Amino acid sequence: MKRITSFVLALILTTSFGWAGGETPANPDSEVYFINLEDGQTVSSPFRVKFGLRGMGVAPAGSEAEMTGHHHLFINRPPLGEGEDGADELANGIPSDENHIHFGGGQTETEIDLPVGRHTLQLVLGDAGHVPHSTPVVSKVITITVE
């Protein structure tokens, strides 16, 4: 009985720490990018955004397969850079709001509707628990103009 209790306790602790986030390794050569948008591009709303990923795989939120993640689109928020400030604020997970759009189903494209004006976009790969990987996998920030 003691052995079973110890096993269950170890399993619970391991699972809990796995979901704490911020420690999921990423392929150091991985890259996330916009397939169909470029910095400075002018678009009409709504418009399609296609996500590209090299060096890792896409898996739905909650999937703990190694070297995978799912996309998040950051809109009009300060950039998150590789290993730079900003990752700490997301250590408990990327929020879900108008500036942080989750694609936890493993989606690789979407259509978004933004008001007329200039907007910044950035892709961020999140782990099973919506936390950036230990070395964040992020795109360059691009600025688009909606007319």
C-alpha atoms as a PDB file:
ATOM      1  CA  MET A   1       0.000   0.000   0.000  1.00  0.00           C
ATOM      2  CA  LYS A   2       2.821   2.374   0.875  1.00  0.00           C
ATOM      3  CA  ARG A   3       4.431   1.675  -2.519  1.00  0.00           C
ATOM      4  CA  ILE A   4       1.182   2.531  -4.373  1.00  0.00           C
ATOM      5  CA  THR A   5       0.756   5.748  -2.374  1.00  0.00           C
ATOM      6  CA  SER A   6       4.345   6.797  -3.145  1.00  0.00           C
ATOM      7  CA  PHE A   7       3.829   6.051  -6.848  1.00  0.00           C
ATOM      8  CA  VAL A   8       0.589   8.063  -7.011  1.00  0.00           C
ATOM      9  CA  LEU A   9       2.201  10.980  -5.135  1.00  0.00           C
ATOM     10  CA  ALA A  10       5.197  10.941  -7.499  1.00  0.00           C
ATOM     11  CA  LEU A  11       2.861  10.854 -10.503  1.00  0.00           C
ATOM     12  CA  ILE A  12       0.833  13.814  -9.211  1.00  0.00           C
ATOM     13  CA  LEU A  13       3.952  15.874  -8.469  1.00  0.00           C
ATOM     14  CA  THR A  14       5.465  15.122 -11.865  1.00  0.00           C
ATOM     15  CA  THR A  15       2.245  16.061 -13.634  1.00  0.00           C
ATOM     16  CA  SER A  16       1.858  19.265 -11.618  1.00  0.00           C
ATOM     17  CA  PHE A  17       5.387  20.432 -12.338  1.00  0.00           C
ATOM     18  CA  GLY A  18       4.963  19.616 -16.036  1.00  0.00           C
ATOM     19  CA  TRP A  19       2.062  22.047 -16.198  1.00  0.00           C
ATOM     20  CA  ALA A  20       3.881  24.762 -14.261  1.00  0.00           C
ATOM     21  CA  GLY A  21       5.454  25.752 -17.579  1.00  0.00           C
ATOM     22  CA  GLY A  22       8.369  27.828 -18.677  1.00  0.00           C
ATOM     23  CA  GLU A  23      10.694  24.850 -18.686  1.00  0.00           C
ATOM     24  CA  THR A  24       9.628  23.086 -21.882  1.00  0.00           C
ATOM     25  CA  PRO A  25      12.662  22.833 -24.157  1.00  0.00           C
ATOM     26  CA  ALA A  26      12.539  24.040 -27.743  1.00  0.00           C
ATOM     27  CA  ASN A  27      14.670  23.086 -30.684  1.00  0.00           C
ATOM     28  CA  PRO A  28      17.320  25.843 -30.719  1.00  0.00           C
ATOM     29  CA  ASP A  29      17.101  25.938 -34.526  1.00  0.00           C
ATOM     30  CA  SER A  30      13.302  26.323 -34.625  1.00  0.00           C
ATOM     31  CA  GLU A  31      11.625  29.279 -36.249  1.00  0.00           C
ATOM     32  CA  VAL A  32       8.061  30.609 -36.335  1.00  0.00           C
ATOM     33  CA  TYR A  33       7.071  33.119 -39.016  1.00  0.00           C
ATOM     34  CA  PHE A  34       4.238  34.647 -41.029  1.00  0.00           C
ATOM     35  CA  ILE A  35       3.774  32.898 -44.371  1.00  0.00           C
ATOM     36  CA  ASN A  36       1.581  35.448 -46.119  1.00  0.00           C
ATOM     37  CA  LEU A  37       2.247  38.773 -44.393  1.00  0.00           C
ATOM     38  CA  GLU A  38       5.264  41.060 -44.483  1.00  0.00           C
ATOM     39  CA  ASP A  39       6.362  43.990 -42.381  1.00  0.00           C
ATOM     40  CA  GLY A  40       4.828  47.190 -43.776  1.00  0.00           C
ATOM     41  CA  GLN A  41       2.094  45.436 -45.752  1.00  0.00           C
ATOM     42  CA  THR A  42      -1.312  47.070 -46.229  1.00  0.00           C
ATOM     43  CA  VAL A  43      -4.372  44.817 -45.941  1.00  0.00           C
ATOM     44  CA  SER A  44      -8.162  45.064 -45.943  1.00  0.00           C
ATOM     45  CA  SER A  45     -10.011  43.640 -42.971  1.00  0.00           C
ATOM     46  CA  PRO A  46     -10.861  40.864 -42.455  1.00  0.00           C
ATOM     47  CA  PHE A  47      -7.672  39.196 -43.671  1.00  0.00           C
ATOM     48  CA  ARG A  48      -6.091  35.759 -43.497  1.00  0.00           C
ATOM     49  CA  VAL A  49      -2.970  35.074 -41.416  1.00  0.00           C
ATOM     50  CA  LYS A  50      -0.971  31.898 -42.125  1.00  0.00           C
ATOM     51  CA  PHE A  51       1.521  30.637 -39.536  1.00  0.00           C
ATOM     52  CA  GLY A  52       4.779  28.925 -40.476  1.00  0.00           C
ATOM     53  CA  LEU A  53       6.961  26.744 -38.235  1.00  0.00           C
ATOM     54  CA  ARG A  54      10.322  25.058 -38.899  1.00  0.00           C
ATOM     55  CA  GLY A  55      12.253  22.753 -36.599  1.00  0.00           C
ATOM     56  CA  MET A  56       9.340  21.754 -34.368  1.00  0.00           C
ATOM     57  CA  GLY A  57       5.851  20.312 -34.758  1.00  0.00           C
ATOM     58  CA  VAL A  58       2.387  21.674 -34.086  1.00  0.00           C
ATOM     59  CA  ALA A  59       0.235  19.875 -31.512  1.00  0.00           C
ATOM     60  CA  PRO A  60      -2.975  20.930 -29.742  1.00  0.00           C
ATOM     61  CA  ALA A  61      -2.803  22.491 -26.287  1.00  0.00           C
ATOM     62  CA  GLY A  62      -2.476  19.808 -23.638  1.00  0.00           C
ATOM     63  CA  SER A  63      -0.343  17.559 -25.854  1.00  0.00           C
ATOM     64  CA  GLU A  64       2.996  16.944 -24.245  1.00  0.00           C
ATOM     65  CA  ALA A  65       4.830  15.507 -27.249  1.00  0.00           C
ATOM     66  CA  GLU A  66       8.478  16.574 -27.325  1.00  0.00           C
ATOM     67  CA  MET A  67       9.486  19.428 -29.620  1.00  0.00           C
ATOM     68  CA  THR A  68       5.912  20.551 -30.274  1.00  0.00           C
ATOM     69  CA  GLY A  69       3.770  23.538 -29.425  1.00  0.00           C
ATOM     70  CA  HIS A  70       0.809  25.537 -30.631  1.00  0.00           C
ATOM     71  CA  HIS A  71       0.508  29.049 -32.022  1.00  0.00           C
ATOM     72  CA  HIS A  72      -0.453  32.286 -30.310  1.00  0.00           C
ATOM     73  CA  LEU A  73      -0.911  35.563 -32.152  1.00  0.00           C
ATOM     74  CA  PHE A  74       0.080  38.693 -30.245  1.00  0.00           C
ATOM     75  CA  ILE A  75      -1.665  41.832 -31.508  1.00  0.00           C
ATOM     76  CA  ASN A  76      -0.610  45.364 -30.523  1.00  0.00           C
ATOM     77  CA  ARG A  77       1.465  44.390 -27.517  1.00  0.00           C
ATOM     78  CA  PRO A  78       5.136  44.863 -26.637  1.00  0.00           C
ATOM     79  CA  PRO A  79       7.335  42.361 -28.475  1.00  0.00           C
ATOM     80  CA  LEU A  80       8.459  39.162 -26.830  1.00  0.00           C
ATOM     81  CA  GLY A  81      12.065  38.513 -27.813  1.00  0.00           C
ATOM     82  CA  GLU A  82      14.133  35.386 -27.642  1.00  0.00           C
ATOM     83  CA  GLY A  83      15.409  35.204 -24.062  1.00  0.00           C
ATOM     84  CA  GLU A  84      14.533  38.864 -23.445  1.00  0.00           C
ATOM     85  CA  ASP A  85      12.330  40.564 -20.879  1.00  0.00           C
ATOM     86  CA  GLY A  86       8.684  39.743 -21.333  1.00  0.00           C
ATOM     87  CA  ALA A  87       8.967  35.959 -21.110  1.00  0.00           C
ATOM     88  CA  ASP A  88       8.826  36.160 -17.299  1.00  0.00           C
ATOM     89  CA  GLU A  89       5.426  37.863 -17.395  1.00  0.00           C
ATOM     90  CA  LEU A  90       4.131  34.859 -19.348  1.00  0.00           C
ATOM     91  CA  ALA A  91       5.656  32.177 -17.092  1.00  0.00           C
ATOM     92  CA  ASN A  92       2.196  31.237 -15.816  1.00  0.00           C
ATOM     93  CA  GLY A  93       0.714  31.132 -19.298  1.00  0.00           C
ATOM     94  CA  ILE A  94      -0.165  33.426 -22.141  1.00  0.00           C
ATOM     95  CA  PRO A  95      -3.364  35.329 -21.341  1.00  0.00           C
ATOM     96  CA  SER A  96      -6.375  34.992 -23.596  1.00  0.00           C
ATOM     97  CA  ASP A  97      -7.679  38.409 -24.592  1.00  0.00           C
ATOM     98  CA  GLU A  98      -7.864  40.781 -27.561  1.00  0.00           C
ATOM     99  CA  ASN A  99      -4.055  41.087 -27.599  1.00  0.00           C
ATOM    100  CA  HIS A 100      -3.274  37.353 -27.196  1.00  0.00           C
ATOM    101  CA  ILE A 101      -5.156  34.992 -29.517  1.00  0.00           C
ATOM    102  CA  HIS A 102      -4.798  31.263 -28.797  1.00  0.00           C
ATOM    103  CA  PHE A 103      -4.799  28.504 -31.399  1.00  0.00           C
ATOM    104  CA  GLY A 104      -4.893  25.601 -28.968  1.00  0.00           C
ATOM    105  CA  GLY A 105      -6.527  23.291 -31.485  1.00  0.00           C
ATOM    106  CA  GLY A 106      -3.308  23.207 -33.483  1.00  0.00           C
ATOM    107  CA  GLN A 107      -4.564  25.640 -36.134  1.00  0.00           C
ATOM    108  CA  THR A 108      -2.008  27.025 -38.575  1.00  0.00           C
ATOM    109  CA  GLU A 109      -4.048  29.892 -40.004  1.00  0.00           C
ATOM    110  CA  THR A 110      -6.894  32.211 -39.138  1.00  0.00           C
ATOM    111  CA  GLU A 111      -8.902  35.156 -40.370  1.00  0.00           C
ATOM    112  CA  ILE A 112      -8.834  38.285 -38.235  1.00  0.00           C
ATOM    113  CA  ASP A 113     -10.728  41.549 -38.344  1.00  0.00           C
ATOM    114  CA  LEU A 114      -8.888  44.643 -37.124  1.00  0.00           C
ATOM    115  CA  PRO A 115      -9.951  48.296 -37.249  1.00  0.00           C
ATOM    116  CA  VAL A 116      -8.438  50.725 -39.739  1.00  0.00           C
ATOM    117  CA  GLY A 117      -4.953  51.816 -38.695  1.00  0.00           C
ATOM    118  CA  ARG A 118      -1.511  50.435 -37.897  1.00  0.00           C
ATOM    119  CA  HIS A 119      -1.158  47.218 -35.917  1.00  0.00           C
ATOM    120  CA  THR A 120       1.720  45.041 -34.747  1.00  0.00           C
ATOM    121  CA  LEU A 121       1.623  41.245 -35.003  1.00  0.00           C
ATOM    122  CA  GLN A 122       3.896  38.591 -33.521  1.00  0.00           C
ATOM    123  CA  LEU A 123       3.655  34.798 -33.401  1.00  0.00           C
ATOM    124  CA  VAL A 124       4.647  32.986 -30.214  1.00  0.00           C
ATOM    125  CA  LEU A 125       4.778  29.216 -29.863  1.00  0.00           C
ATOM    126  CA  GLY A 126       3.364  27.920 -26.584  1.00  0.00           C
ATOM    127  CA  ASP A 127       3.825  24.556 -24.882  1.00  0.00           C
ATOM    128  CA  ALA A 128       1.077  22.203 -23.689  1.00  0.00           C
ATOM    129  CA  GLY A 129       0.112  24.684 -20.956  1.00  0.00           C
ATOM    130  CA  HIS A 130       0.176  27.876 -23.111  1.00  0.00           C
ATOM    131  CA  VAL A 131       3.606  28.921 -21.791  1.00  0.00           C
ATOM    132  CA  PRO A 132       6.445  30.029 -24.083  1.00  0.00           C
ATOM    133  CA  HIS A 133       9.216  27.428 -24.302  1.00  0.00           C
ATOM    134  CA  SER A 134      12.331  27.795 -22.124  1.00  0.00           C
ATOM    135  CA  THR A 135      13.940  29.571 -25.078  1.00  0.00           C
ATOM    136  CA  PRO A 136      10.918  31.351 -26.565  1.00  0.00           C
ATOM    137  CA  VAL A 137      10.127  30.523 -30.194  1.00  0.00           C
ATOM    138  CA  VAL A 138       8.881  33.852 -31.550  1.00  0.00           C
ATOM    139  CA  SER A 139       8.547  35.575 -34.893  1.00  0.00           C
ATOM    140  CA  LYS A 140       9.818  39.006 -35.725  1.00  0.00           C
ATOM    141  CA  VAL A 141       7.249  41.669 -34.945  1.00  0.00           C
ATOM    142  CA  ILE A 142       5.655  43.014 -38.099  1.00  0.00           C
ATOM    143  CA  THR A 143       3.601  46.172 -38.541  1.00  0.00           C
ATOM    144  CA  ILE A 144       0.660  46.101 -40.919  1.00  0.00           C
ATOM    145  CA  THR A 145      -1.744  48.828 -41.952  1.00  0.00           C
ATOM    146  CA  VAL A 146      -5.443  48.066 -42.259  1.00  0.00           C
ATOM    147  CA  GLU A 147      -7.344  50.318 -44.655  1.00  0.00           C
END
